[in-house]
């Protein structure tokens, strides 16, 4: 699957909407890359399990929502194949760094 440009956003603890643009192949990859791009020590710690992450794909125009808890559940499930397992491992490491 080819990477598509996406707009990733979430509302921080102060009620400010944080936005970043990334290229990703999937909803979960976009969410991880977006959180990483917005990574500030005080922000990531404020992202709780029920933080709503919005991913808007530019073309075709579509918007998805995923809760941080759902993202973590997906990252912690076994991949369906070796490629997905490797991708999940890389995304987990990226989010943790």
PDB file of N, CA and C in Angstrom:
ATOM      1  N   UNK A   1       0.839  -1.177   0.000  1.00  0.00           N
ATOM      2  CA  UNK A   1       0.000   0.000   0.000  1.00  0.00           C
ATOM      3  C   UNK A   1       0.884   1.240   0.000  1.00  0.00           C
ATOM      4  N   UNK A   2       0.534   2.207  -0.789  1.00  0.00           N
ATOM      5  CA  UNK A   2       1.319   3.430  -0.892  1.00  0.00           C
ATOM      6  C   UNK A   2       0.938   4.404   0.221  1.00  0.00           C
ATOM      7  N   UNK A   3       1.928   5.139   0.695  1.00  0.00           N
ATOM      8  CA  UNK A   3       1.680   6.142   1.730  1.00  0.00           C
ATOM      9  C   UNK A   3       0.857   7.286   1.142  1.00  0.00           C
ATOM     10  N   UNK A   4      -0.044   7.813   1.967  1.00  0.00           N
ATOM     11  CA  UNK A   4      -0.889   8.931   1.560  1.00  0.00           C
ATOM     12  C   UNK A   4      -0.701  10.076   2.537  1.00  0.00           C
ATOM     13  N   UNK A   5      -0.778  11.314   2.048  1.00  0.00           N
ATOM     14  CA  UNK A   5      -0.669  12.455   2.954  1.00  0.00           C
ATOM     15  C   UNK A   5      -1.888  12.529   3.869  1.00  0.00           C
ATOM     16  N   UNK A   6      -1.622  12.759   5.157  1.00  0.00           N
ATOM     17  CA  UNK A   6      -2.680  12.794   6.170  1.00  0.00           C
ATOM     18  C   UNK A   6      -2.473  13.977   7.109  1.00  0.00           C
ATOM     19  N   UNK A   7      -3.573  14.435   7.675  1.00  0.00           N
ATOM     20  CA  UNK A   7      -3.558  15.458   8.725  1.00  0.00           C
ATOM     21  C   UNK A   7      -3.945  14.736  10.007  1.00  0.00           C
ATOM     22  N   UNK A   8      -3.066  14.780  11.010  1.00  0.00           N
ATOM     23  CA  UNK A   8      -3.312  14.117  12.288  1.00  0.00           C
ATOM     24  C   UNK A   8      -3.478  15.196  13.349  1.00  0.00           C
ATOM     25  N   UNK A   9      -4.527  15.060  14.163  1.00  0.00           N
ATOM     26  CA  UNK A   9      -4.755  16.065  15.200  1.00  0.00           C
ATOM     27  C   UNK A   9      -5.323  15.430  16.459  1.00  0.00           C
ATOM     28  N   UNK A  10      -5.123  16.123  17.574  1.00  0.00           N
ATOM     29  CA  UNK A  10      -5.756  15.774  18.837  1.00  0.00           C
ATOM     30  C   UNK A  10      -5.800  17.028  19.692  1.00  0.00           C
ATOM     31  N   UNK A  11      -6.665  17.021  20.679  1.00  0.00           N
ATOM     32  CA  UNK A  11      -6.795  18.167  21.571  1.00  0.00           C
ATOM     33  C   UNK A  11      -5.961  17.901  22.817  1.00  0.00           C
ATOM     34  N   UNK A  12      -5.052  18.838  23.143  1.00  0.00           N
ATOM     35  CA  UNK A  12      -4.176  18.635  24.302  1.00  0.00           C
ATOM     36  C   UNK A  12      -4.909  18.958  25.603  1.00  0.00           C
ATOM     37  N   UNK A  13      -4.206  18.819  26.712  1.00  0.00           N
ATOM     38  CA  UNK A  13      -4.805  18.999  28.037  1.00  0.00           C
ATOM     39  C   UNK A  13      -5.315  20.418  28.265  1.00  0.00           C
ATOM     40  N   UNK A  14      -4.788  21.383  27.509  1.00  0.00           N
ATOM     41  CA  UNK A  14      -5.229  22.778  27.641  1.00  0.00           C
ATOM     42  C   UNK A  14      -6.381  23.106  26.691  1.00  0.00           C
ATOM     43  N   UNK A  15      -6.853  22.106  25.952  1.00  0.00           N
ATOM     44  CA  UNK A  15      -7.949  22.332  25.021  1.00  0.00           C
ATOM     45  C   UNK A  15      -7.517  22.871  23.667  1.00  0.00           C
ATOM     46  N   UNK A  16      -6.216  22.880  23.418  1.00  0.00           N
ATOM     47  CA  UNK A  16      -5.681  23.372  22.153  1.00  0.00           C
ATOM     48  C   UNK A  16      -5.568  22.205  21.177  1.00  0.00           C
ATOM     49  N   UNK A  17      -6.047  22.416  19.962  1.00  0.00           N
ATOM     50  CA  UNK A  17      -5.953  21.369  18.944  1.00  0.00           C
ATOM     51  C   UNK A  17      -4.556  21.400  18.338  1.00  0.00           C
ATOM     52  N   UNK A  18      -3.861  20.281  18.438  1.00  0.00           N
ATOM     53  CA  UNK A  18      -2.519  20.136  17.886  1.00  0.00           C
ATOM     54  C   UNK A  18      -2.643  19.417  16.548  1.00  0.00           C
ATOM     55  N   UNK A  19      -1.986  19.925  15.513  1.00  0.00           N
ATOM     56  CA  UNK A  19      -2.127  19.378  14.165  1.00  0.00           C
ATOM     57  C   UNK A  19      -0.753  19.199  13.536  1.00  0.00           C
ATOM     58  N   UNK A  20      -0.610  18.105  12.786  1.00  0.00           N
ATOM     59  CA  UNK A  20       0.613  17.852  12.030  1.00  0.00           C
ATOM     60  C   UNK A  20       0.227  17.100  10.757  1.00  0.00           C
ATOM     61  N   UNK A  21       1.036  17.231   9.728  1.00  0.00           N
ATOM     62  CA  UNK A  21       0.818  16.511   8.473  1.00  0.00           C
ATOM     63  C   UNK A  21       1.898  15.447   8.318  1.00  0.00           C
ATOM     64  N   UNK A  22       1.470  14.226   7.990  1.00  0.00           N
ATOM     65  CA  UNK A  22       2.383  13.100   7.805  1.00  0.00           C
ATOM     66  C   UNK A  22       1.969  12.311   6.572  1.00  0.00           C
ATOM     67  N   UNK A  23       2.824  11.412   6.132  1.00  0.00           N
ATOM     68  CA  UNK A  23       2.484  10.453   5.082  1.00  0.00           C
ATOM     69  C   UNK A  23       2.500   9.074   5.714  1.00  0.00           C
ATOM     70  N   UNK A  24       1.426   8.314   5.489  1.00  0.00           N
ATOM     71  CA  UNK A  24       1.319   7.001   6.129  1.00  0.00           C
ATOM     72  C   UNK A  24       0.530   6.046   5.251  1.00  0.00           C
ATOM     73  N   UNK A  25       0.744   4.749   5.502  1.00  0.00           N
ATOM     74  CA  UNK A  25       0.060   3.701   4.755  1.00  0.00           C
ATOM     75  C   UNK A  25      -1.221   3.233   5.425  1.00  0.00           C
ATOM     76  N   UNK A  26      -1.402   3.547   6.725  1.00  0.00           N
ATOM     77  CA  UNK A  26      -2.585   3.077   7.435  1.00  0.00           C
ATOM     78  C   UNK A  26      -2.990   4.092   8.500  1.00  0.00           C
ATOM     79  N   UNK A  27      -4.192   3.909   9.010  1.00  0.00           N
ATOM     80  CA  UNK A  27      -4.709   4.762  10.074  1.00  0.00           C
ATOM     81  C   UNK A  27      -3.794   4.737  11.284  1.00  0.00           C
ATOM     82  N   UNK A  28      -3.417   3.536  11.717  1.00  0.00           N
ATOM     83  CA  UNK A  28      -2.597   3.414  12.921  1.00  0.00           C
ATOM     84  C   UNK A  28      -1.189   3.970  12.715  1.00  0.00           C
ATOM     85  N   UNK A  29      -0.633   3.754  11.539  1.00  0.00           N
ATOM     86  CA  UNK A  29       0.682   4.325  11.258  1.00  0.00           C
ATOM     87  C   UNK A  29       0.605   5.846  11.282  1.00  0.00           C
ATOM     88  N   UNK A  30      -0.434   6.421  10.691  1.00  0.00           N
ATOM     89  CA  UNK A  30      -0.603   7.877  10.697  1.00  0.00           C
ATOM     90  C   UNK A  30      -0.713   8.397  12.128  1.00  0.00           C
ATOM     91  N   UNK A  31      -1.475   7.689  12.974  1.00  0.00           N
ATOM     92  CA  UNK A  31      -1.637   8.114  14.369  1.00  0.00           C
ATOM     93  C   UNK A  31      -0.299   8.115  15.103  1.00  0.00           C
ATOM     94  N   UNK A  32       0.477   7.055  14.945  1.00  0.00           N
ATOM     95  CA  UNK A  32       1.789   6.982  15.608  1.00  0.00           C
ATOM     96  C   UNK A  32       2.718   8.074  15.082  1.00  0.00           C
ATOM     97  N   UNK A  33       2.798   8.218  13.766  1.00  0.00           N
ATOM     98  CA  UNK A  33       3.685   9.233  13.190  1.00  0.00           C
ATOM     99  C   UNK A  33       3.257  10.637  13.609  1.00  0.00           C
ATOM    100  N   UNK A  34       1.956  10.862  13.668  1.00  0.00           N
ATOM    101  CA  UNK A  34       1.465  12.167  14.107  1.00  0.00           C
ATOM    102  C   UNK A  34       1.818  12.453  15.554  1.00  0.00           C
ATOM    103  N   UNK A  35       1.585  11.475  16.437  1.00  0.00           N
ATOM    104  CA  UNK A  35       1.936  11.674  17.849  1.00  0.00           C
ATOM    105  C   UNK A  35       3.432  11.886  18.011  1.00  0.00           C
ATOM    106  N   UNK A  36       4.213  11.153  17.248  1.00  0.00           N
ATOM    107  CA  UNK A  36       5.673  11.309  17.337  1.00  0.00           C
ATOM    108  C   UNK A  36       6.094  12.695  16.856  1.00  0.00           C
ATOM    109  N   UNK A  37       5.504  13.159  15.758  1.00  0.00           N
ATOM    110  CA  UNK A  37       5.852  14.483  15.234  1.00  0.00           C
ATOM    111  C   UNK A  37       5.471  15.584  16.222  1.00  0.00           C
ATOM    112  N   UNK A  38       4.404  15.366  16.972  1.00  0.00           N
ATOM    113  CA  UNK A  38       3.962  16.347  17.965  1.00  0.00           C
ATOM    114  C   UNK A  38       4.584  16.111  19.333  1.00  0.00           C
ATOM    115  N   UNK A  39       5.507  15.174  19.402  1.00  0.00           N
ATOM    116  CA  UNK A  39       6.080  14.750  20.678  1.00  0.00           C
ATOM    117  C   UNK A  39       6.777  15.894  21.402  1.00  0.00           C
ATOM    118  N   UNK A  40       6.213  16.235  22.507  1.00  0.00           N
ATOM    119  CA  UNK A  40       6.825  17.136  23.454  1.00  0.00           C
ATOM    120  C   UNK A  40       6.663  16.432  24.793  1.00  0.00           C
ATOM    121  N   UNK A  41       7.635  16.481  25.673  1.00  0.00           N
ATOM    122  CA  UNK A  41       7.531  15.738  26.933  1.00  0.00           C
ATOM    123  C   UNK A  41       6.216  15.977  27.677  1.00  0.00           C
ATOM    124  N   UNK A  42       5.733  17.210  27.703  1.00  0.00           N
ATOM    125  CA  UNK A  42       4.508  17.496  28.444  1.00  0.00           C
ATOM    126  C   UNK A  42       3.253  17.071  27.693  1.00  0.00           C
ATOM    127  N   UNK A  43       3.315  16.897  26.372  1.00  0.00           N
ATOM    128  CA  UNK A  43       2.128  16.517  25.605  1.00  0.00           C
ATOM    129  C   UNK A  43       1.912  15.014  25.639  1.00  0.00           C
ATOM    130  N   UNK A  44       2.935  14.257  25.322  1.00  0.00           N
ATOM    131  CA  UNK A  44       2.765  12.805  25.237  1.00  0.00           C
ATOM    132  C   UNK A  44       2.315  12.245  26.575  1.00  0.00           C
ATOM    133  N   UNK A  45       2.809  12.779  27.666  1.00  0.00           N
ATOM    134  CA  UNK A  45       2.368  12.296  28.966  1.00  0.00           C
ATOM    135  C   UNK A  45       0.900  12.621  29.201  1.00  0.00           C
ATOM    136  N   UNK A  46       0.389  13.670  28.553  1.00  0.00           N
ATOM    137  CA  UNK A  46      -1.010  14.064  28.726  1.00  0.00           C
ATOM    138  C   UNK A  46      -1.948  13.262  27.825  1.00  0.00           C
ATOM    139  N   UNK A  47      -1.403  12.489  26.891  1.00  0.00           N
ATOM    140  CA  UNK A  47      -2.244  11.676  26.011  1.00  0.00           C
ATOM    141  C   UNK A  47      -2.683  10.453  26.799  1.00  0.00           C
ATOM    142  N   UNK A  48      -3.952  10.429  27.130  1.00  0.00           N
ATOM    143  CA  UNK A  48      -4.499   9.315  27.897  1.00  0.00           C
ATOM    144  C   UNK A  48      -5.168   8.302  26.984  1.00  0.00           C
ATOM    145  N   UNK A  49      -5.634   7.198  27.547  1.00  0.00           N
ATOM    146  CA  UNK A  49      -6.225   6.133  26.738  1.00  0.00           C
ATOM    147  C   UNK A  49      -7.453   6.583  25.956  1.00  0.00           C
ATOM    148  N   UNK A  50      -8.146   7.612  26.431  1.00  0.00           N
ATOM    149  CA  UNK A  50      -9.361   8.051  25.754  1.00  0.00           C
ATOM    150  C   UNK A  50      -9.156   9.327  24.939  1.00  0.00           C
ATOM    151  N   UNK A  51      -7.895   9.666  24.692  1.00  0.00           N
ATOM    152  CA  UNK A  51      -7.607  10.784  23.808  1.00  0.00           C
ATOM    153  C   UNK A  51      -8.027  10.391  22.400  1.00  0.00           C
ATOM    154  N   UNK A  52      -8.813  11.243  21.773  1.00  0.00           N
ATOM    155  CA  UNK A  52      -9.311  10.984  20.419  1.00  0.00           C
ATOM    156  C   UNK A  52      -8.332  11.568  19.411  1.00  0.00           C
ATOM    157  N   UNK A  53      -7.790  10.702  18.583  1.00  0.00           N
ATOM    158  CA  UNK A  53      -6.841  11.110  17.546  1.00  0.00           C
ATOM    159  C   UNK A  53      -7.599  11.103  16.222  1.00  0.00           C
ATOM    160  N   UNK A  54      -7.559  12.220  15.530  1.00  0.00           N
ATOM    161  CA  UNK A  54      -8.248  12.346  14.251  1.00  0.00           C
ATOM    162  C   UNK A  54      -7.236  12.255  13.130  1.00  0.00           C
ATOM    163  N   UNK A  55      -7.515  11.392  12.165  1.00  0.00           N
ATOM    164  CA  UNK A  55      -6.650  11.245  10.989  1.00  0.00           C
ATOM    165  C   UNK A  55      -7.500  11.560   9.766  1.00  0.00           C
ATOM    166  N   UNK A  56      -7.137  12.603   9.052  1.00  0.00           N
ATOM    167  CA  UNK A  56      -7.842  12.985   7.836  1.00  0.00           C
ATOM    168  C   UNK A  56      -6.924  12.727   6.650  1.00  0.00           C
ATOM    169  N   UNK A  57      -7.322  11.785   5.806  1.00  0.00           N
ATOM    170  CA  UNK A  57      -6.570  11.478   4.590  1.00  0.00           C
ATOM    171  C   UNK A  57      -6.943  12.533   3.562  1.00  0.00           C
ATOM    172  N   UNK A  58      -5.941  13.078   2.863  1.00  0.00           N
ATOM    173  CA  UNK A  58      -6.208  14.149   1.903  1.00  0.00           C
ATOM    174  C   UNK A  58      -6.921  13.649   0.653  1.00  0.00           C
ATOM    175  N   UNK A  59      -6.463  12.529   0.103  1.00  0.00           N
ATOM    176  CA  UNK A  59      -7.094  12.023  -1.112  1.00  0.00           C
ATOM    177  C   UNK A  59      -7.032  10.512  -1.162  1.00  0.00           C
ATOM    178  N   UNK A  60      -8.138   9.834  -1.254  1.00  0.00           N
ATOM    179  CA  UNK A  60      -9.475  10.432  -1.268  1.00  0.00           C
ATOM    180  C   UNK A  60      -9.798  11.011   0.112  1.00  0.00           C
ATOM    181  N   UNK A  61     -10.539  12.097   0.116  1.00  0.00           N
ATOM    182  CA  UNK A  61     -10.841  12.796   1.367  1.00  0.00           C
ATOM    183  C   UNK A  61     -11.695  11.913   2.278  1.00  0.00           C
ATOM    184  N   UNK A  62     -11.125  11.540   3.404  1.00  0.00           N
ATOM    185  CA  UNK A  62     -11.833  10.717   4.391  1.00  0.00           C
ATOM    186  C   UNK A  62     -11.227  11.015   5.760  1.00  0.00           C
ATOM    187  N   UNK A  63     -12.061  10.923   6.788  1.00  0.00           N
ATOM    188  CA  UNK A  63     -11.603  11.211   8.146  1.00  0.00           C
ATOM    189  C   UNK A  63     -11.897  10.010   9.031  1.00  0.00           C
ATOM    190  N   UNK A  64     -10.922   9.650   9.865  1.00  0.00           N
ATOM    191  CA  UNK A  64     -11.045   8.522  10.785  1.00  0.00           C
ATOM    192  C   UNK A  64     -10.730   9.007  12.189  1.00  0.00           C
ATOM    193  N   UNK A  65     -11.278   8.293  13.167  1.00  0.00           N
ATOM    194  CA  UNK A  65     -10.990   8.582  14.564  1.00  0.00           C
ATOM    195  C   UNK A  65     -10.504   7.305  15.226  1.00  0.00           C
ATOM    196  N   UNK A  66      -9.521   7.429  16.084  1.00  0.00           N
ATOM    197  CA  UNK A  66      -9.040   6.282  16.856  1.00  0.00           C
ATOM    198  C   UNK A  66      -8.669   6.795  18.246  1.00  0.00           C
ATOM    199  N   UNK A  67      -9.045   6.041  19.248  1.00  0.00           N
ATOM    200  CA  UNK A  67      -8.680   6.391  20.614  1.00  0.00           C
ATOM    201  C   UNK A  67      -7.268   5.877  20.864  1.00  0.00           C
ATOM    202  N   UNK A  68      -6.541   6.563  21.710  1.00  0.00           N
ATOM    203  CA  UNK A  68      -5.169   6.167  22.011  1.00  0.00           C
ATOM    204  C   UNK A  68      -5.131   4.733  22.537  1.00  0.00           C
ATOM    205  N   UNK A  69      -6.137   4.347  23.318  1.00  0.00           N
ATOM    206  CA  UNK A  69      -6.197   2.969  23.842  1.00  0.00           C
ATOM    207  C   UNK A  69      -6.317   1.964  22.695  1.00  0.00           C
ATOM    208  N   UNK A  70      -7.120   2.291  21.666  1.00  0.00           N
ATOM    209  CA  UNK A  70      -7.256   1.405  20.513  1.00  0.00           C
ATOM    210  C   UNK A  70      -5.932   1.274  19.773  1.00  0.00           C
ATOM    211  N   UNK A  71      -5.225   2.383  19.638  1.00  0.00           N
ATOM    212  CA  UNK A  71      -3.923   2.372  18.978  1.00  0.00           C
ATOM    213  C   UNK A  71      -2.975   1.438  19.728  1.00  0.00           C
ATOM    214  N   UNK A  72      -2.935   1.549  21.048  1.00  0.00           N
ATOM    215  CA  UNK A  72      -2.064   0.678  21.844  1.00  0.00           C
ATOM    216  C   UNK A  72      -2.463  -0.787  21.737  1.00  0.00           C
ATOM    217  N   UNK A  73      -3.771  -1.065  21.724  1.00  0.00           N
ATOM    218  CA  UNK A  73      -4.230  -2.449  21.571  1.00  0.00           C
ATOM    219  C   UNK A  73      -3.766  -3.021  20.238  1.00  0.00           C
ATOM    220  N   UNK A  74      -3.891  -2.234  19.172  1.00  0.00           N
ATOM    221  CA  UNK A  74      -3.462  -2.697  17.854  1.00  0.00           C
ATOM    222  C   UNK A  74      -1.961  -2.953  17.840  1.00  0.00           C
ATOM    223  N   UNK A  75      -1.198  -2.046  18.419  1.00  0.00           N
ATOM    224  CA  UNK A  75       0.257  -2.210  18.451  1.00  0.00           C
ATOM    225  C   UNK A  75       0.663  -3.459  19.224  1.00  0.00           C
ATOM    226  N   UNK A  76      -0.100  -3.819  20.252  1.00  0.00           N
ATOM    227  CA  UNK A  76       0.263  -4.949  21.099  1.00  0.00           C
ATOM    228  C   UNK A  76      -0.275  -6.292  20.616  1.00  0.00           C
ATOM    229  N   UNK A  77      -1.160  -6.284  19.623  1.00  0.00           N
ATOM    230  CA  UNK A  77      -1.641  -7.546  19.040  1.00  0.00           C
ATOM    231  C   UNK A  77      -0.595  -8.086  18.075  1.00  0.00           C
ATOM    232  N   UNK A  78      -0.574  -9.391  17.931  1.00  0.00           N
ATOM    233  CA  UNK A  78       0.342 -10.017  16.980  1.00  0.00           C
ATOM    234  C   UNK A  78      -0.028  -9.610  15.562  1.00  0.00           C
ATOM    235  N   UNK A  79       0.973  -9.410  14.748  1.00  0.00           N
ATOM    236  CA  UNK A  79       0.741  -9.092  13.346  1.00  0.00           C
ATOM    237  C   UNK A  79       0.259 -10.307  12.581  1.00  0.00           C
ATOM    238  N   UNK A  80      -0.490 -10.055  11.498  1.00  0.00           N
ATOM    239  CA  UNK A  80      -1.021 -11.159  10.695  1.00  0.00           C
ATOM    240  C   UNK A  80       0.059 -11.852   9.882  1.00  0.00           C
ATOM    241  N   UNK A  81       1.139 -11.139   9.614  1.00  0.00           N
ATOM    242  CA  UNK A  81       2.245 -11.714   8.853  1.00  0.00           C
ATOM    243  C   UNK A  81       3.532 -11.033   9.311  1.00  0.00           C
ATOM    244  N   UNK A  82       4.638 -11.502   8.785  1.00  0.00           N
ATOM    245  CA  UNK A  82       5.944 -10.978   9.217  1.00  0.00           C
ATOM    246  C   UNK A  82       6.087  -9.480   8.936  1.00  0.00           C
ATOM    247  N   UNK A  83       5.614  -9.035   7.786  1.00  0.00           N
ATOM    248  CA  UNK A  83       5.720  -7.611   7.436  1.00  0.00           C
ATOM    249  C   UNK A  83       4.944  -6.750   8.431  1.00  0.00           C
ATOM    250  N   UNK A  84       3.738  -7.179   8.791  1.00  0.00           N
ATOM    251  CA  UNK A  84       2.948  -6.411   9.749  1.00  0.00           C
ATOM    252  C   UNK A  84       3.594  -6.454  11.131  1.00  0.00           C
ATOM    253  N   UNK A  85       4.162  -7.588  11.508  1.00  0.00           N
ATOM    254  CA  UNK A  85       4.854  -7.696  12.793  1.00  0.00           C
ATOM    255  C   UNK A  85       6.025  -6.709  12.851  1.00  0.00           C
ATOM    256  N   UNK A  86       6.790  -6.637  11.784  1.00  0.00           N
ATOM    257  CA  UNK A  86       7.934  -5.716  11.739  1.00  0.00           C
ATOM    258  C   UNK A  86       7.478  -4.261  11.791  1.00  0.00           C
ATOM    259  N   UNK A  87       6.401  -3.943  11.064  1.00  0.00           N
ATOM    260  CA  UNK A  87       5.888  -2.577  11.068  1.00  0.00           C
ATOM    261  C   UNK A  87       5.422  -2.183  12.464  1.00  0.00           C
ATOM    262  N   UNK A  88       4.694  -3.079  13.128  1.00  0.00           N
ATOM    263  CA  UNK A  88       4.222  -2.793  14.484  1.00  0.00           C
ATOM    264  C   UNK A  88       5.390  -2.594  15.440  1.00  0.00           C
ATOM    265  N   UNK A  89       6.411  -3.423  15.299  1.00  0.00           N
ATOM    266  CA  UNK A  89       7.593  -3.300  16.161  1.00  0.00           C
ATOM    267  C   UNK A  89       8.238  -1.932  15.970  1.00  0.00           C
ATOM    268  N   UNK A  90       8.409  -1.500  14.718  1.00  0.00           N
ATOM    269  CA  UNK A  90       9.022  -0.198  14.437  1.00  0.00           C
ATOM    270  C   UNK A  90       8.167   0.949  14.969  1.00  0.00           C
ATOM    271  N   UNK A  91       6.856   0.849  14.805  1.00  0.00           N
ATOM    272  CA  UNK A  91       5.971   1.910  15.280  1.00  0.00           C
ATOM    273  C   UNK A  91       5.967   1.983  16.802  1.00  0.00           C
ATOM    274  N   UNK A  92       5.988   0.834  17.484  1.00  0.00           N
ATOM    275  CA  UNK A  92       6.063   0.830  18.951  1.00  0.00           C
ATOM    276  C   UNK A  92       7.343   1.488  19.428  1.00  0.00           C
ATOM    277  N   UNK A  93       8.454   1.156  18.770  1.00  0.00           N
ATOM    278  CA  UNK A  93       9.735   1.758  19.147  1.00  0.00           C
ATOM    279  C   UNK A  93       9.725   3.262  18.893  1.00  0.00           C
ATOM    280  N   UNK A  94       9.138   3.667  17.782  1.00  0.00           N
ATOM    281  CA  UNK A  94       9.062   5.092  17.449  1.00  0.00           C
ATOM    282  C   UNK A  94       8.246   5.847  18.492  1.00  0.00           C
ATOM    283  N   UNK A  95       7.117   5.301  18.872  1.00  0.00           N
ATOM    284  CA  UNK A  95       6.265   5.949  19.852  1.00  0.00           C
ATOM    285  C   UNK A  95       6.920   6.005  21.229  1.00  0.00           C
ATOM    286  N   UNK A  96       7.716   4.991  21.543  1.00  0.00           N
ATOM    287  CA  UNK A  96       8.387   4.929  22.849  1.00  0.00           C
ATOM    288  C   UNK A  96       9.596   5.848  22.944  1.00  0.00           C
ATOM    289  N   UNK A  97      10.157   6.220  21.788  1.00  0.00           N
ATOM    290  CA  UNK A  97      11.397   7.033  21.840  1.00  0.00           C
ATOM    291  C   UNK A  97      11.136   8.499  22.008  1.00  0.00           C
TER     292      UNK A  97
END
